[in-house]
Amino acid sequence: MKNITITLEPQVARWVRIKAAEQETSISRYVGELLKEKMEANLQYEHARQQYLALPPKPLGNPEEPLPKRETLYDRAVLR
C-alpha cells in the first residue's frame, strides 16, 4: 500500500473519524476503501460505455422515407 497525506476541512475530518470508528477501522483504511469503491464504479461505467460504443449503429428509421417535419412532431392536441 502507498501512504499519502491529505488535507481535510475540520468538519470533514470529524465526519471521517466518526465513520471509520463506526466501521471499527482506521481513517486510512476507510478512505482507501471509499476511493477503491469509487474507482471500481468508474471502471465498470467505462467498460459498459466502451461496450455500448462498440455496437454497430442502428438507423433511427427507414432511410427510404423522409424524416417527419417539425410541425408534425410537435402537433399535440393536448396543447391546444
PDB file of N, CA and C in Angstrom:
ATOM      1  N   MET A   1       0.838  -1.185   0.000  1.00  0.00           N
ATOM      2  CA  MET A   1       0.000   0.000   0.000  1.00  0.00           C
ATOM      3  C   MET A   1       0.877   1.240   0.000  1.00  0.00           C
ATOM      4  N   LYS A   2       0.367   2.280  -0.599  1.00  0.00           N
ATOM      5  CA  LYS A   2       1.085   3.552  -0.702  1.00  0.00           C
ATOM      6  C   LYS A   2       0.502   4.521   0.328  1.00  0.00           C
ATOM      7  N   ASN A   3       1.348   5.178   1.092  1.00  0.00           N
ATOM      8  CA  ASN A   3       0.899   6.190   2.047  1.00  0.00           C
ATOM      9  C   ASN A   3       0.874   7.548   1.376  1.00  0.00           C
ATOM     10  N   ILE A   4      -0.181   8.304   1.661  1.00  0.00           N
ATOM     11  CA  ILE A   4      -0.288   9.673   1.154  1.00  0.00           C
ATOM     12  C   ILE A   4      -0.753  10.571   2.288  1.00  0.00           C
ATOM     13  N   THR A   5      -0.561  11.858   2.128  1.00  0.00           N
ATOM     14  CA  THR A   5      -1.030  12.846   3.092  1.00  0.00           C
ATOM     15  C   THR A   5      -2.103  13.680   2.418  1.00  0.00           C
ATOM     16  N   ILE A   6      -3.225  13.868   3.125  1.00  0.00           N
ATOM     17  CA  ILE A   6      -4.298  14.699   2.583  1.00  0.00           C
ATOM     18  C   ILE A   6      -4.664  15.777   3.591  1.00  0.00           C
ATOM     19  N   THR A   7      -5.245  16.844   3.102  1.00  0.00           N
ATOM     20  CA  THR A   7      -5.707  17.931   3.952  1.00  0.00           C
ATOM     21  C   THR A   7      -7.225  17.947   3.906  1.00  0.00           C
ATOM     22  N   LEU A   8      -7.844  17.967   5.085  1.00  0.00           N
ATOM     23  CA  LEU A   8      -9.305  17.955   5.185  1.00  0.00           C
ATOM     24  C   LEU A   8      -9.786  19.167   5.965  1.00  0.00           C
ATOM     25  N   GLU A   9     -10.964  19.614   5.613  1.00  0.00           N
ATOM     26  CA  GLU A   9     -11.604  20.645   6.419  1.00  0.00           C
ATOM     27  C   GLU A   9     -11.974  20.015   7.760  1.00  0.00           C
ATOM     28  N   PRO A  10     -12.019  20.807   8.836  1.00  0.00           N
ATOM     29  CA  PRO A  10     -12.284  20.244  10.164  1.00  0.00           C
ATOM     30  C   PRO A  10     -13.563  19.404  10.245  1.00  0.00           C
ATOM     31  N   GLN A  11     -14.646  19.876   9.629  1.00  0.00           N
ATOM     32  CA  GLN A  11     -15.898  19.112   9.717  1.00  0.00           C
ATOM     33  C   GLN A  11     -15.810  17.798   8.941  1.00  0.00           C
ATOM     34  N   VAL A  12     -15.027  17.784   7.866  1.00  0.00           N
ATOM     35  CA  VAL A  12     -14.834  16.549   7.091  1.00  0.00           C
ATOM     36  C   VAL A  12     -13.984  15.573   7.904  1.00  0.00           C
ATOM     37  N   ALA A  13     -12.943  16.073   8.545  1.00  0.00           N
ATOM     38  CA  ALA A  13     -12.083  15.226   9.374  1.00  0.00           C
ATOM     39  C   ALA A  13     -12.881  14.601  10.517  1.00  0.00           C
ATOM     40  N   ARG A  14     -13.754  15.391  11.125  1.00  0.00           N
ATOM     41  CA  ARG A  14     -14.590  14.875  12.222  1.00  0.00           C
ATOM     42  C   ARG A  14     -15.518  13.792  11.695  1.00  0.00           C
ATOM     43  N   TRP A  15     -16.148  14.052  10.557  1.00  0.00           N
ATOM     44  CA  TRP A  15     -17.081  13.093   9.973  1.00  0.00           C
ATOM     45  C   TRP A  15     -16.377  11.772   9.657  1.00  0.00           C
ATOM     46  N   VAL A  16     -15.189  11.849   9.034  1.00  0.00           N
ATOM     47  CA  VAL A  16     -14.494  10.622   8.647  1.00  0.00           C
ATOM     48  C   VAL A  16     -14.011   9.858   9.878  1.00  0.00           C
ATOM     49  N   ARG A  17     -13.644  10.566  10.932  1.00  0.00           N
ATOM     50  CA  ARG A  17     -13.262   9.886  12.174  1.00  0.00           C
ATOM     51  C   ARG A  17     -14.427   9.074  12.721  1.00  0.00           C
ATOM     52  N   ILE A  18     -15.612   9.685  12.718  1.00  0.00           N
ATOM     53  CA  ILE A  18     -16.809   9.010  13.230  1.00  0.00           C
ATOM     54  C   ILE A  18     -17.149   7.797  12.363  1.00  0.00           C
ATOM     55  N   LYS A  19     -17.147   7.985  11.046  1.00  0.00           N
ATOM     56  CA  LYS A  19     -17.487   6.887  10.135  1.00  0.00           C
ATOM     57  C   LYS A  19     -16.490   5.732  10.256  1.00  0.00           C
ATOM     58  N   ALA A  20     -15.218   6.045  10.351  1.00  0.00           N
ATOM     59  CA  ALA A  20     -14.202   4.999  10.498  1.00  0.00           C
ATOM     60  C   ALA A  20     -14.398   4.256  11.820  1.00  0.00           C
ATOM     61  N   ALA A  21     -14.714   4.990  12.883  1.00  0.00           N
ATOM     62  CA  ALA A  21     -14.944   4.359  14.181  1.00  0.00           C
ATOM     63  C   ALA A  21     -16.164   3.441  14.124  1.00  0.00           C
ATOM     64  N   GLU A  22     -17.215   3.874  13.426  1.00  0.00           N
ATOM     65  CA  GLU A  22     -18.413   3.037  13.285  1.00  0.00           C
ATOM     66  C   GLU A  22     -18.083   1.730  12.565  1.00  0.00           C
ATOM     67  N   GLN A  23     -17.151   1.775  11.635  1.00  0.00           N
ATOM     68  CA  GLN A  23     -16.741   0.584  10.880  1.00  0.00           C
ATOM     69  C   GLN A  23     -15.613  -0.178  11.595  1.00  0.00           C
ATOM     70  N   GLU A  24     -15.195   0.351  12.738  1.00  0.00           N
ATOM     71  CA  GLU A  24     -14.095  -0.232  13.516  1.00  0.00           C
ATOM     72  C   GLU A  24     -12.837  -0.405  12.656  1.00  0.00           C
ATOM     73  N   THR A  25     -12.489   0.667  11.967  1.00  0.00           N
ATOM     74  CA  THR A  25     -11.304   0.660  11.109  1.00  0.00           C
ATOM     75  C   THR A  25     -10.583   1.997  11.239  1.00  0.00           C
ATOM     76  N   SER A  26      -9.424   2.075  10.643  1.00  0.00           N
ATOM     77  CA  SER A  26      -8.672   3.333  10.682  1.00  0.00           C
ATOM     78  C   SER A  26      -9.209   4.289   9.623  1.00  0.00           C
ATOM     79  N   ILE A  27      -8.882   5.552   9.800  1.00  0.00           N
ATOM     80  CA  ILE A  27      -9.281   6.558   8.811  1.00  0.00           C
ATOM     81  C   ILE A  27      -8.631   6.230   7.469  1.00  0.00           C
ATOM     82  N   SER A  28      -7.371   5.837   7.497  1.00  0.00           N
ATOM     83  CA  SER A  28      -6.665   5.495   6.257  1.00  0.00           C
ATOM     84  C   SER A  28      -7.371   4.379   5.508  1.00  0.00           C
ATOM     85  N   ARG A  29      -7.709   3.324   6.208  1.00  0.00           N
ATOM     86  CA  ARG A  29      -8.363   2.187   5.563  1.00  0.00           C
ATOM     87  C   ARG A  29      -9.754   2.581   5.073  1.00  0.00           C
ATOM     88  N   TYR A  30     -10.479   3.363   5.878  1.00  0.00           N
ATOM     89  CA  TYR A  30     -11.834   3.788   5.498  1.00  0.00           C
ATOM     90  C   TYR A  30     -11.797   4.627   4.218  1.00  0.00           C
ATOM     91  N   VAL A  31     -10.917   5.611   4.182  1.00  0.00           N
ATOM     92  CA  VAL A  31     -10.797   6.470   2.995  1.00  0.00           C
ATOM     93  C   VAL A  31     -10.299   5.646   1.805  1.00  0.00           C
ATOM     94  N   GLY A  32      -9.370   4.743   2.050  1.00  0.00           N
ATOM     95  CA  GLY A  32      -8.869   3.880   0.984  1.00  0.00           C
ATOM     96  C   GLY A  32      -9.975   3.033   0.374  1.00  0.00           C
ATOM     97  N   GLU A  33     -10.849   2.484   1.210  1.00  0.00           N
ATOM     98  CA  GLU A  33     -11.970   1.677   0.710  1.00  0.00           C
ATOM     99  C   GLU A  33     -12.959   2.535  -0.077  1.00  0.00           C
ATOM    100  N   LEU A  34     -13.228   3.747   0.414  1.00  0.00           N
ATOM    101  CA  LEU A  34     -14.121   4.649  -0.325  1.00  0.00           C
ATOM    102  C   LEU A  34     -13.565   4.944  -1.717  1.00  0.00           C
ATOM    103  N   LEU A  35     -12.285   5.235  -1.781  1.00  0.00           N
ATOM    104  CA  LEU A  35     -11.659   5.547  -3.067  1.00  0.00           C
ATOM    105  C   LEU A  35     -11.621   4.323  -3.981  1.00  0.00           C
ATOM    106  N   LYS A  36     -11.390   3.155  -3.401  1.00  0.00           N
ATOM    107  CA  LYS A  36     -11.377   1.926  -4.193  1.00  0.00           C
ATOM    108  C   LYS A  36     -12.758   1.672  -4.798  1.00  0.00           C
ATOM    109  N   GLU A  37     -13.821   1.851  -3.995  1.00  0.00           N
ATOM    110  CA  GLU A  37     -15.188   1.674  -4.499  1.00  0.00           C
ATOM    111  C   GLU A  37     -15.480   2.659  -5.625  1.00  0.00           C
ATOM    112  N   LYS A  38     -15.055   3.895  -5.456  1.00  0.00           N
ATOM    113  CA  LYS A  38     -15.260   4.921  -6.486  1.00  0.00           C
ATOM    114  C   LYS A  38     -14.522   4.539  -7.770  1.00  0.00           C
ATOM    115  N   MET A  39     -13.295   4.081  -7.632  1.00  0.00           N
ATOM    116  CA  MET A  39     -12.506   3.679  -8.790  1.00  0.00           C
ATOM    117  C   MET A  39     -13.168   2.508  -9.520  1.00  0.00           C
ATOM    118  N   GLU A  40     -13.628   1.502  -8.771  1.00  0.00           N
ATOM    119  CA  GLU A  40     -14.269   0.341  -9.388  1.00  0.00           C
ATOM    120  C   GLU A  40     -15.555   0.732 -10.104  1.00  0.00           C
ATOM    121  N   ALA A  41     -16.333   1.639  -9.514  1.00  0.00           N
ATOM    122  CA  ALA A  41     -17.560   2.106 -10.165  1.00  0.00           C
ATOM    123  C   ALA A  41     -17.228   2.823 -11.471  1.00  0.00           C
ATOM    124  N   ASN A  42     -16.193   3.645 -11.452  1.00  0.00           N
ATOM    125  CA  ASN A  42     -15.775   4.344 -12.674  1.00  0.00           C
ATOM    126  C   ASN A  42     -15.297   3.367 -13.742  1.00  0.00           C
ATOM    127  N   LEU A  43     -14.558   2.343 -13.334  1.00  0.00           N
ATOM    128  CA  LEU A  43     -14.077   1.345 -14.290  1.00  0.00           C
ATOM    129  C   LEU A  43     -15.240   0.566 -14.902  1.00  0.00           C
ATOM    130  N   GLN A  44     -16.231   0.209 -14.077  1.00  0.00           N
ATOM    131  CA  GLN A  44     -17.407  -0.504 -14.587  1.00  0.00           C
ATOM    132  C   GLN A  44     -18.174   0.364 -15.571  1.00  0.00           C
ATOM    133  N   TYR A  45     -18.329   1.631 -15.233  1.00  0.00           N
ATOM    134  CA  TYR A  45     -19.032   2.551 -16.125  1.00  0.00           C
ATOM    135  C   TYR A  45     -18.293   2.668 -17.456  1.00  0.00           C
ATOM    136  N   GLU A  46     -16.993   2.840 -17.391  1.00  0.00           N
ATOM    137  CA  GLU A  46     -16.199   2.994 -18.611  1.00  0.00           C
ATOM    138  C   GLU A  46     -16.251   1.728 -19.459  1.00  0.00           C
ATOM    139  N   HIS A  47     -16.225   0.572 -18.809  1.00  0.00           N
ATOM    140  CA  HIS A  47     -16.316  -0.695 -19.537  1.00  0.00           C
ATOM    141  C   HIS A  47     -17.666  -0.803 -20.245  1.00  0.00           C
ATOM    142  N   ALA A  48     -18.750  -0.477 -19.544  1.00  0.00           N
ATOM    143  CA  ALA A  48     -20.086  -0.520 -20.146  1.00  0.00           C
ATOM    144  C   ALA A  48     -20.191   0.484 -21.289  1.00  0.00           C
ATOM    145  N   ARG A  49     -19.606   1.644 -21.120  1.00  0.00           N
ATOM    146  CA  ARG A  49     -19.624   2.676 -22.165  1.00  0.00           C
ATOM    147  C   ARG A  49     -18.904   2.184 -23.415  1.00  0.00           C
ATOM    148  N   GLN A  50     -17.745   1.576 -23.215  1.00  0.00           N
ATOM    149  CA  GLN A  50     -16.981   1.060 -24.352  1.00  0.00           C
ATOM    150  C   GLN A  50     -17.735  -0.062 -25.067  1.00  0.00           C
ATOM    151  N   GLN A  51     -18.410  -0.916 -24.299  1.00  0.00           N
ATOM    152  CA  GLN A  51     -19.209  -1.982 -24.912  1.00  0.00           C
ATOM    153  C   GLN A  51     -20.332  -1.386 -25.755  1.00  0.00           C
ATOM    154  N   TYR A  52     -20.989  -0.370 -25.223  1.00  0.00           N
ATOM    155  CA  TYR A  52     -22.077   0.266 -25.965  1.00  0.00           C
ATOM    156  C   TYR A  52     -21.554   0.927 -27.240  1.00  0.00           C
ATOM    157  N   LEU A  53     -20.460   1.637 -27.128  1.00  0.00           N
ATOM    158  CA  LEU A  53     -19.905   2.332 -28.290  1.00  0.00           C
ATOM    159  C   LEU A  53     -19.368   1.365 -29.350  1.00  0.00           C
ATOM    160  N   ALA A  54     -19.063   0.134 -28.951  1.00  0.00           N
ATOM    161  CA  ALA A  54     -18.569  -0.859 -29.904  1.00  0.00           C
ATOM    162  C   ALA A  54     -19.693  -1.471 -30.741  1.00  0.00           C
ATOM    163  N   LEU A  55     -20.945  -1.267 -30.322  1.00  0.00           N
ATOM    164  CA  LEU A  55     -22.071  -1.808 -31.079  1.00  0.00           C
ATOM    165  C   LEU A  55     -22.200  -1.077 -32.407  1.00  0.00           C
ATOM    166  N   PRO A  56     -22.642  -1.778 -33.436  1.00  0.00           N
ATOM    167  CA  PRO A  56     -22.838  -1.087 -34.716  1.00  0.00           C
ATOM    168  C   PRO A  56     -24.008  -0.109 -34.608  1.00  0.00           C
ATOM    169  N   PRO A  57     -23.930   1.012 -35.299  1.00  0.00           N
ATOM    170  CA  PRO A  57     -25.026   1.987 -35.227  1.00  0.00           C
ATOM    171  C   PRO A  57     -26.301   1.420 -35.850  1.00  0.00           C
ATOM    172  N   LYS A  58     -27.437   1.824 -35.278  1.00  0.00           N
ATOM    173  CA  LYS A  58     -28.734   1.392 -35.792  1.00  0.00           C
ATOM    174  C   LYS A  58     -29.427   2.590 -36.420  1.00  0.00           C
ATOM    175  N   PRO A  59     -30.050   2.383 -37.555  1.00  0.00           N
ATOM    176  CA  PRO A  59     -30.775   3.503 -38.167  1.00  0.00           C
ATOM    177  C   PRO A  59     -31.986   3.883 -37.315  1.00  0.00           C
ATOM    178  N   LEU A  60     -32.303   5.157 -37.286  1.00  0.00           N
ATOM    179  CA  LEU A  60     -33.432   5.635 -36.491  1.00  0.00           C
ATOM    180  C   LEU A  60     -34.767   5.396 -37.185  1.00  0.00           C
ATOM    181  N   GLY A  61     -34.733   5.153 -38.435  1.00  0.00           N
ATOM    182  CA  GLY A  61     -35.954   4.919 -39.187  1.00  0.00           C
ATOM    183  C   GLY A  61     -35.608   4.305 -40.523  1.00  0.00           C
ATOM    184  N   ASN A  62     -36.570   4.301 -41.400  1.00  0.00           N
ATOM    185  CA  ASN A  62     -36.352   3.780 -42.742  1.00  0.00           C
ATOM    186  C   ASN A  62     -35.608   4.838 -43.551  1.00  0.00           C
ATOM    187  N   PRO A  63     -34.424   4.516 -44.054  1.00  0.00           N
ATOM    188  CA  PRO A  63     -33.658   5.521 -44.806  1.00  0.00           C
ATOM    189  C   PRO A  63     -34.345   5.952 -46.101  1.00  0.00           C
ATOM    190  N   GLU A  64     -35.314   5.167 -46.574  1.00  0.00           N
ATOM    191  CA  GLU A  64     -36.038   5.499 -47.801  1.00  0.00           C
ATOM    192  C   GLU A  64     -37.102   6.573 -47.564  1.00  0.00           C
ATOM    193  N   GLU A  65     -37.563   6.689 -46.323  1.00  0.00           N
ATOM    194  CA  GLU A  65     -38.626   7.649 -46.011  1.00  0.00           C
ATOM    195  C   GLU A  65     -38.021   8.948 -45.493  1.00  0.00           C
ATOM    196  N   PRO A  66     -38.625  10.077 -45.832  1.00  0.00           N
ATOM    197  CA  PRO A  66     -38.120  11.349 -45.298  1.00  0.00           C
ATOM    198  C   PRO A  66     -38.447  11.465 -43.807  1.00  0.00           C
ATOM    199  N   LEU A  67     -37.656  12.238 -43.120  1.00  0.00           N
ATOM    200  CA  LEU A  67     -37.920  12.474 -41.701  1.00  0.00           C
ATOM    201  C   LEU A  67     -39.185  13.309 -41.552  1.00  0.00           C
ATOM    202  N   PRO A  68     -39.920  13.131 -40.443  1.00  0.00           N
ATOM    203  CA  PRO A  68     -41.126  13.935 -40.251  1.00  0.00           C
ATOM    204  C   PRO A  68     -40.779  15.407 -40.065  1.00  0.00           C
ATOM    205  N   LYS A  69     -41.694  16.263 -40.453  1.00  0.00           N
ATOM    206  CA  LYS A  69     -41.500  17.708 -40.297  1.00  0.00           C
ATOM    207  C   LYS A  69     -41.676  18.078 -38.827  1.00  0.00           C
ATOM    208  N   ARG A  70     -41.061  19.166 -38.444  1.00  0.00           N
ATOM    209  CA  ARG A  70     -41.122  19.638 -37.059  1.00  0.00           C
ATOM    210  C   ARG A  70     -42.562  19.855 -36.615  1.00  0.00           C
ATOM    211  N   GLU A  71     -43.374  20.432 -37.477  1.00  0.00           N
ATOM    212  CA  GLU A  71     -44.771  20.716 -37.144  1.00  0.00           C
ATOM    213  C   GLU A  71     -45.517  19.429 -36.803  1.00  0.00           C
ATOM    214  N   THR A  72     -45.204  18.363 -37.509  1.00  0.00           N
ATOM    215  CA  THR A  72     -45.854  17.079 -37.249  1.00  0.00           C
ATOM    216  C   THR A  72     -45.425  16.521 -35.895  1.00  0.00           C
ATOM    217  N   LEU A  73     -44.158  16.638 -35.599  1.00  0.00           N
ATOM    218  CA  LEU A  73     -43.654  16.113 -34.331  1.00  0.00           C
ATOM    219  C   LEU A  73     -44.267  16.820 -33.131  1.00  0.00           C
ATOM    220  N   TYR A  74     -44.475  18.124 -33.257  1.00  0.00           N
ATOM    221  CA  TYR A  74     -44.957  18.908 -32.125  1.00  0.00           C
ATOM    222  C   TYR A  74     -46.445  19.214 -32.208  1.00  0.00           C
ATOM    223  N   ASP A  75     -47.158  18.567 -33.097  1.00  0.00           N
ATOM    224  CA  ASP A  75     -48.596  18.770 -33.224  1.00  0.00           C
ATOM    225  C   ASP A  75     -49.288  17.879 -32.202  1.00  0.00           C
ATOM    226  N   ARG A  76     -49.605  18.445 -31.051  1.00  0.00           N
ATOM    227  CA  ARG A  76     -50.239  17.679 -29.972  1.00  0.00           C
ATOM    228  C   ARG A  76     -51.579  18.312 -29.643  1.00  0.00           C
ATOM    229  N   ALA A  77     -52.599  17.512 -29.737  1.00  0.00           N
ATOM    230  CA  ALA A  77     -53.952  18.000 -29.462  1.00  0.00           C
ATOM    231  C   ALA A  77     -54.091  18.471 -28.013  1.00  0.00           C
ATOM    232  N   VAL A  78     -53.346  17.907 -27.137  1.00  0.00           N
ATOM    233  CA  VAL A  78     -53.434  18.270 -25.717  1.00  0.00           C
ATOM    234  C   VAL A  78     -53.007  19.709 -25.471  1.00  0.00           C
ATOM    235  N   LEU A  79     -52.142  20.221 -26.292  1.00  0.00           N
ATOM    236  CA  LEU A  79     -51.626  21.569 -26.101  1.00  0.00           C
ATOM    237  C   LEU A  79     -52.530  22.637 -26.707  1.00  0.00           C
ATOM    238  N   ARG A  80     -53.588  22.235 -27.345  1.00  0.00           N
ATOM    239  CA  ARG A  80     -54.491  23.211 -27.970  1.00  0.00           C
ATOM    240  C   ARG A  80     -55.601  23.601 -27.044  1.00  0.00           C
TER     241      ARG A  80
END
